[in-house]
Amino acid sequence: EVQLVESGGGLVQPGGSLRLSCAASGFTFSSYAMGWVRQAPGKGFEWISAINSGGSSTTYADSVKGRFTISRDNARNTLYLQMNSLKPEDTGVYFCTSDFHYSATYHYTADDFGSWGQGTQVTVSS
């Protein structure tokens, strides 16, 4: 059974940083691309980043490019999202995702992802 468990969310002031983690189990983590999707309060899902299985290629939504960094540790079966220069509009629930075809040039939607974690809340507020 695929399990994705996010952690690291919390309350942070604008301009601050957070690092999210996603612990994966139940599948061969190093063979699968991974991604992050978020949902702002009262809004739909927004894809924000993806990484290929080996970690050599990454892609980002324009809204987070230059501020967020996705990475992975295949030895630890863990996915990360380093979030810097956080803005109030980054507030939302952040989901770790898997089971999708990776492309460095494709703009993903929520429907592209087959497996999801339960999410972790990120609140950016002064």
C-alpha atoms as a PDB file:
ATOM      1  CA  GLU A   1       0.000   0.000   0.000  1.00  0.00           C
ATOM      2  CA  VAL A   2       1.363   3.399  -1.018  1.00  0.00           C
ATOM      3  CA  GLN A   3       1.775   5.749   1.934  1.00  0.00           C
ATOM      4  CA  LEU A   4       2.865   9.379   1.695  1.00  0.00           C
ATOM      5  CA  VAL A   5       3.162  11.270   4.977  1.00  0.00           C
ATOM      6  CA  GLU A   6       3.889  14.998   4.923  1.00  0.00           C
ATOM      7  CA  SER A   7       5.368  16.989   7.777  1.00  0.00           C
ATOM      8  CA  GLY A   8       6.990  20.335   8.436  1.00  0.00           C
ATOM      9  CA  GLY A   9       4.076  22.681   7.960  1.00  0.00           C
ATOM     10  CA  GLY A  10       3.265  25.496  10.357  1.00  0.00           C
ATOM     11  CA  LEU A  11       2.850  29.212  10.847  1.00  0.00           C
ATOM     12  CA  VAL A  12       5.529  31.490   9.419  1.00  0.00           C
ATOM     13  CA  GLN A  13       5.815  35.226   8.862  1.00  0.00           C
ATOM     14  CA  PRO A  14       5.980  36.694   5.353  1.00  0.00           C
ATOM     15  CA  GLY A  15       9.516  36.464   4.044  1.00  0.00           C
ATOM     16  CA  GLY A  16      10.235  33.421   6.183  1.00  0.00           C
ATOM     17  CA  SER A  17      11.139  29.858   5.263  1.00  0.00           C
ATOM     18  CA  LEU A  18       9.858  26.348   5.857  1.00  0.00           C
ATOM     19  CA  ARG A  19      10.984  22.916   4.736  1.00  0.00           C
ATOM     20  CA  LEU A  20       8.357  20.285   4.103  1.00  0.00           C
ATOM     21  CA  SER A  21       9.142  16.583   4.119  1.00  0.00           C
ATOM     22  CA  CYS A  22       7.250  13.623   2.708  1.00  0.00           C
ATOM     23  CA  ALA A  23       8.061  10.122   3.955  1.00  0.00           C
ATOM     24  CA  ALA A  24       7.169   7.492   1.372  1.00  0.00           C
ATOM     25  CA  SER A  25       6.561   3.775   1.819  1.00  0.00           C
ATOM     26  CA  GLY A  26       4.840   0.859   0.136  1.00  0.00           C
ATOM     27  CA  PHE A  27       6.546   1.282  -3.246  1.00  0.00           C
ATOM     28  CA  THR A  28      10.028   1.562  -4.750  1.00  0.00           C
ATOM     29  CA  PHE A  29      10.521   5.262  -4.091  1.00  0.00           C
ATOM     30  CA  SER A  30      13.647   5.620  -6.228  1.00  0.00           C
ATOM     31  CA  SER A  31      11.760   4.447  -9.326  1.00  0.00           C
ATOM     32  CA  TYR A  32       9.047   7.092  -9.230  1.00  0.00           C
ATOM     33  CA  ALA A  33       8.772  10.784  -9.954  1.00  0.00           C
ATOM     34  CA  MET A  34       7.346  12.814  -7.093  1.00  0.00           C
ATOM     35  CA  GLY A  35       5.530  16.104  -6.816  1.00  0.00           C
ATOM     36  CA  TRP A  36       3.916  18.722  -4.620  1.00  0.00           C
ATOM     37  CA  VAL A  37       0.436  20.171  -4.978  1.00  0.00           C
ATOM     38  CA  ARG A  38      -1.230  22.761  -2.751  1.00  0.00           C
ATOM     39  CA  GLN A  39      -4.734  23.970  -2.061  1.00  0.00           C
ATOM     40  CA  ALA A  40      -5.359  27.497  -0.839  1.00  0.00           C
ATOM     41  CA  PRO A  41      -8.403  28.166   1.355  1.00  0.00           C
ATOM     42  CA  GLY A  42     -11.555  28.088  -0.749  1.00  0.00           C
ATOM     43  CA  LYS A  43      -9.664  27.385  -3.970  1.00  0.00           C
ATOM     44  CA  GLY A  44      -8.813  24.436  -6.173  1.00  0.00           C
ATOM     45  CA  PHE A  45      -5.631  22.391  -6.276  1.00  0.00           C
ATOM     46  CA  GLU A  46      -2.512  24.004  -7.719  1.00  0.00           C
ATOM     47  CA  TRP A  47       0.465  21.979  -8.872  1.00  0.00           C
ATOM     48  CA  ILE A  48       3.696  23.608  -7.709  1.00  0.00           C
ATOM     49  CA  SER A  49       6.655  21.295  -8.371  1.00  0.00           C
ATOM     50  CA  ALA A  50       7.832  17.893  -9.598  1.00  0.00           C
ATOM     51  CA  ILE A  51      11.088  15.930  -9.626  1.00  0.00           C
ATOM     52  CA  ASN A  52      12.125  12.911 -11.648  1.00  0.00           C
ATOM     53  CA  SER A  53      12.940   9.572 -10.072  1.00  0.00           C
ATOM     54  CA  GLY A  54      16.695  10.137  -9.845  1.00  0.00           C
ATOM     55  CA  GLY A  55      16.461  13.747  -8.742  1.00  0.00           C
ATOM     56  CA  SER A  56      18.369  15.096 -11.749  1.00  0.00           C
ATOM     57  CA  SER A  57      15.471  17.089 -13.209  1.00  0.00           C
ATOM     58  CA  THR A  58      12.973  19.416 -11.552  1.00  0.00           C
ATOM     59  CA  THR A  59      10.163  21.653 -12.689  1.00  0.00           C
ATOM     60  CA  TYR A  60       8.149  24.418 -11.009  1.00  0.00           C
ATOM     61  CA  ALA A  61       5.006  26.438 -11.431  1.00  0.00           C
ATOM     62  CA  ASP A  62       5.677  30.083 -12.212  1.00  0.00           C
ATOM     63  CA  SER A  63       4.115  31.115  -8.880  1.00  0.00           C
ATOM     64  CA  VAL A  64       6.933  29.485  -6.887  1.00  0.00           C
ATOM     65  CA  LYS A  65       9.869  29.471  -9.313  1.00  0.00           C
ATOM     66  CA  GLY A  66      12.980  30.955  -7.735  1.00  0.00           C
ATOM     67  CA  ARG A  67      11.569  30.675  -4.206  1.00  0.00           C
ATOM     68  CA  PHE A  68      10.874  26.957  -3.737  1.00  0.00           C
ATOM     69  CA  THR A  69      13.249  24.022  -4.237  1.00  0.00           C
ATOM     70  CA  ILE A  70      12.167  20.412  -4.558  1.00  0.00           C
ATOM     71  CA  SER A  71      14.618  17.639  -3.736  1.00  0.00           C
ATOM     72  CA  ARG A  72      14.679  14.010  -2.728  1.00  0.00           C
ATOM     73  CA  ASP A  73      16.785  11.520  -0.792  1.00  0.00           C
ATOM     74  CA  ASN A  74      16.244   8.111  -2.353  1.00  0.00           C
ATOM     75  CA  ALA A  75      18.258   6.406   0.383  1.00  0.00           C
ATOM     76  CA  ARG A  76      15.796   7.730   2.951  1.00  0.00           C
ATOM     77  CA  ASN A  77      12.645   7.448   0.790  1.00  0.00           C
ATOM     78  CA  THR A  78      11.950  11.100   1.475  1.00  0.00           C
ATOM     79  CA  LEU A  79      10.839  14.039  -0.648  1.00  0.00           C
ATOM     80  CA  TYR A  80      11.459  17.648   0.394  1.00  0.00           C
ATOM     81  CA  LEU A  81      10.202  21.104  -0.459  1.00  0.00           C
ATOM     82  CA  GLN A  82      12.312  24.033   0.695  1.00  0.00           C
ATOM     83  CA  MET A  83      10.173  27.159   0.688  1.00  0.00           C
ATOM     84  CA  ASN A  84      11.854  30.559   0.965  1.00  0.00           C
ATOM     85  CA  SER A  85      10.578  34.136   0.731  1.00  0.00           C
ATOM     86  CA  LEU A  86       7.127  32.956   1.699  1.00  0.00           C
ATOM     87  CA  LYS A  87       4.120  35.133   0.891  1.00  0.00           C
ATOM     88  CA  PRO A  88       0.606  35.179   2.364  1.00  0.00           C
ATOM     89  CA  GLU A  89      -0.670  33.734  -0.913  1.00  0.00           C
ATOM     90  CA  ASP A  90       1.443  30.616  -0.269  1.00  0.00           C
ATOM     91  CA  THR A  91      -0.954  29.725   2.551  1.00  0.00           C
ATOM     92  CA  GLY A  92      -2.678  26.402   2.063  1.00  0.00           C
ATOM     93  CA  VAL A  93      -2.521  22.663   2.511  1.00  0.00           C
ATOM     94  CA  TYR A  94       0.485  21.096   0.796  1.00  0.00           C
ATOM     95  CA  PHE A  95       0.222  17.569  -0.574  1.00  0.00           C
ATOM     96  CA  CYS A  96       2.948  15.150  -1.583  1.00  0.00           C
ATOM     97  CA  THR A  97       2.052  13.253  -4.756  1.00  0.00           C
ATOM     98  CA  SER A  98       3.283  10.323  -6.836  1.00  0.00           C
ATOM     99  CA  ASP A  99       2.166   7.975  -9.598  1.00  0.00           C
ATOM    100  CA  PHE A 100       2.483  10.241 -12.616  1.00  0.00           C
ATOM    101  CA  HIS A 101       4.567  10.626 -15.753  1.00  0.00           C
ATOM    102  CA  TYR A 102       7.360  13.156 -15.308  1.00  0.00           C
ATOM    103  CA  SER A 103       8.062  15.837 -17.882  1.00  0.00           C
ATOM    104  CA  ALA A 104      10.203  18.926 -17.358  1.00  0.00           C
ATOM    105  CA  THR A 105       8.019  20.948 -19.705  1.00  0.00           C
ATOM    106  CA  TYR A 106       4.514  19.864 -18.773  1.00  0.00           C
ATOM    107  CA  HIS A 107       2.199  21.998 -16.646  1.00  0.00           C
ATOM    108  CA  TYR A 108       0.479  19.509 -14.369  1.00  0.00           C
ATOM    109  CA  THR A 109      -3.023  19.534 -12.977  1.00  0.00           C
ATOM    110  CA  ALA A 110      -4.349  17.685  -9.930  1.00  0.00           C
ATOM    111  CA  ASP A 111      -5.861  15.001 -12.160  1.00  0.00           C
ATOM    112  CA  ASP A 112      -2.372  13.913 -13.278  1.00  0.00           C
ATOM    113  CA  PHE A 113      -1.440  12.464  -9.873  1.00  0.00           C
ATOM    114  CA  GLY A 114      -2.537   9.010  -8.776  1.00  0.00           C
ATOM    115  CA  SER A 115      -1.362   8.959  -5.153  1.00  0.00           C
ATOM    116  CA  TRP A 116      -1.617  11.677  -2.512  1.00  0.00           C
ATOM    117  CA  GLY A 117      -0.592  12.196   1.080  1.00  0.00           C
ATOM    118  CA  GLN A 118      -2.922  13.613   3.707  1.00  0.00           C
ATOM    119  CA  GLY A 119      -1.416  17.103   3.485  1.00  0.00           C
ATOM    120  CA  THR A 120       0.282  19.532   5.840  1.00  0.00           C
ATOM    121  CA  GLN A 121      -0.949  23.046   6.605  1.00  0.00           C
ATOM    122  CA  VAL A 122       1.237  26.038   5.797  1.00  0.00           C
ATOM    123  CA  THR A 123       0.102  29.448   7.018  1.00  0.00           C
ATOM    124  CA  VAL A 124       1.990  32.601   6.073  1.00  0.00           C
ATOM    125  CA  SER A 125       0.835  35.496   8.200  1.00  0.00           C
ATOM    126  CA  SER A 126       2.154  38.280  10.380  1.00  0.00           C
END
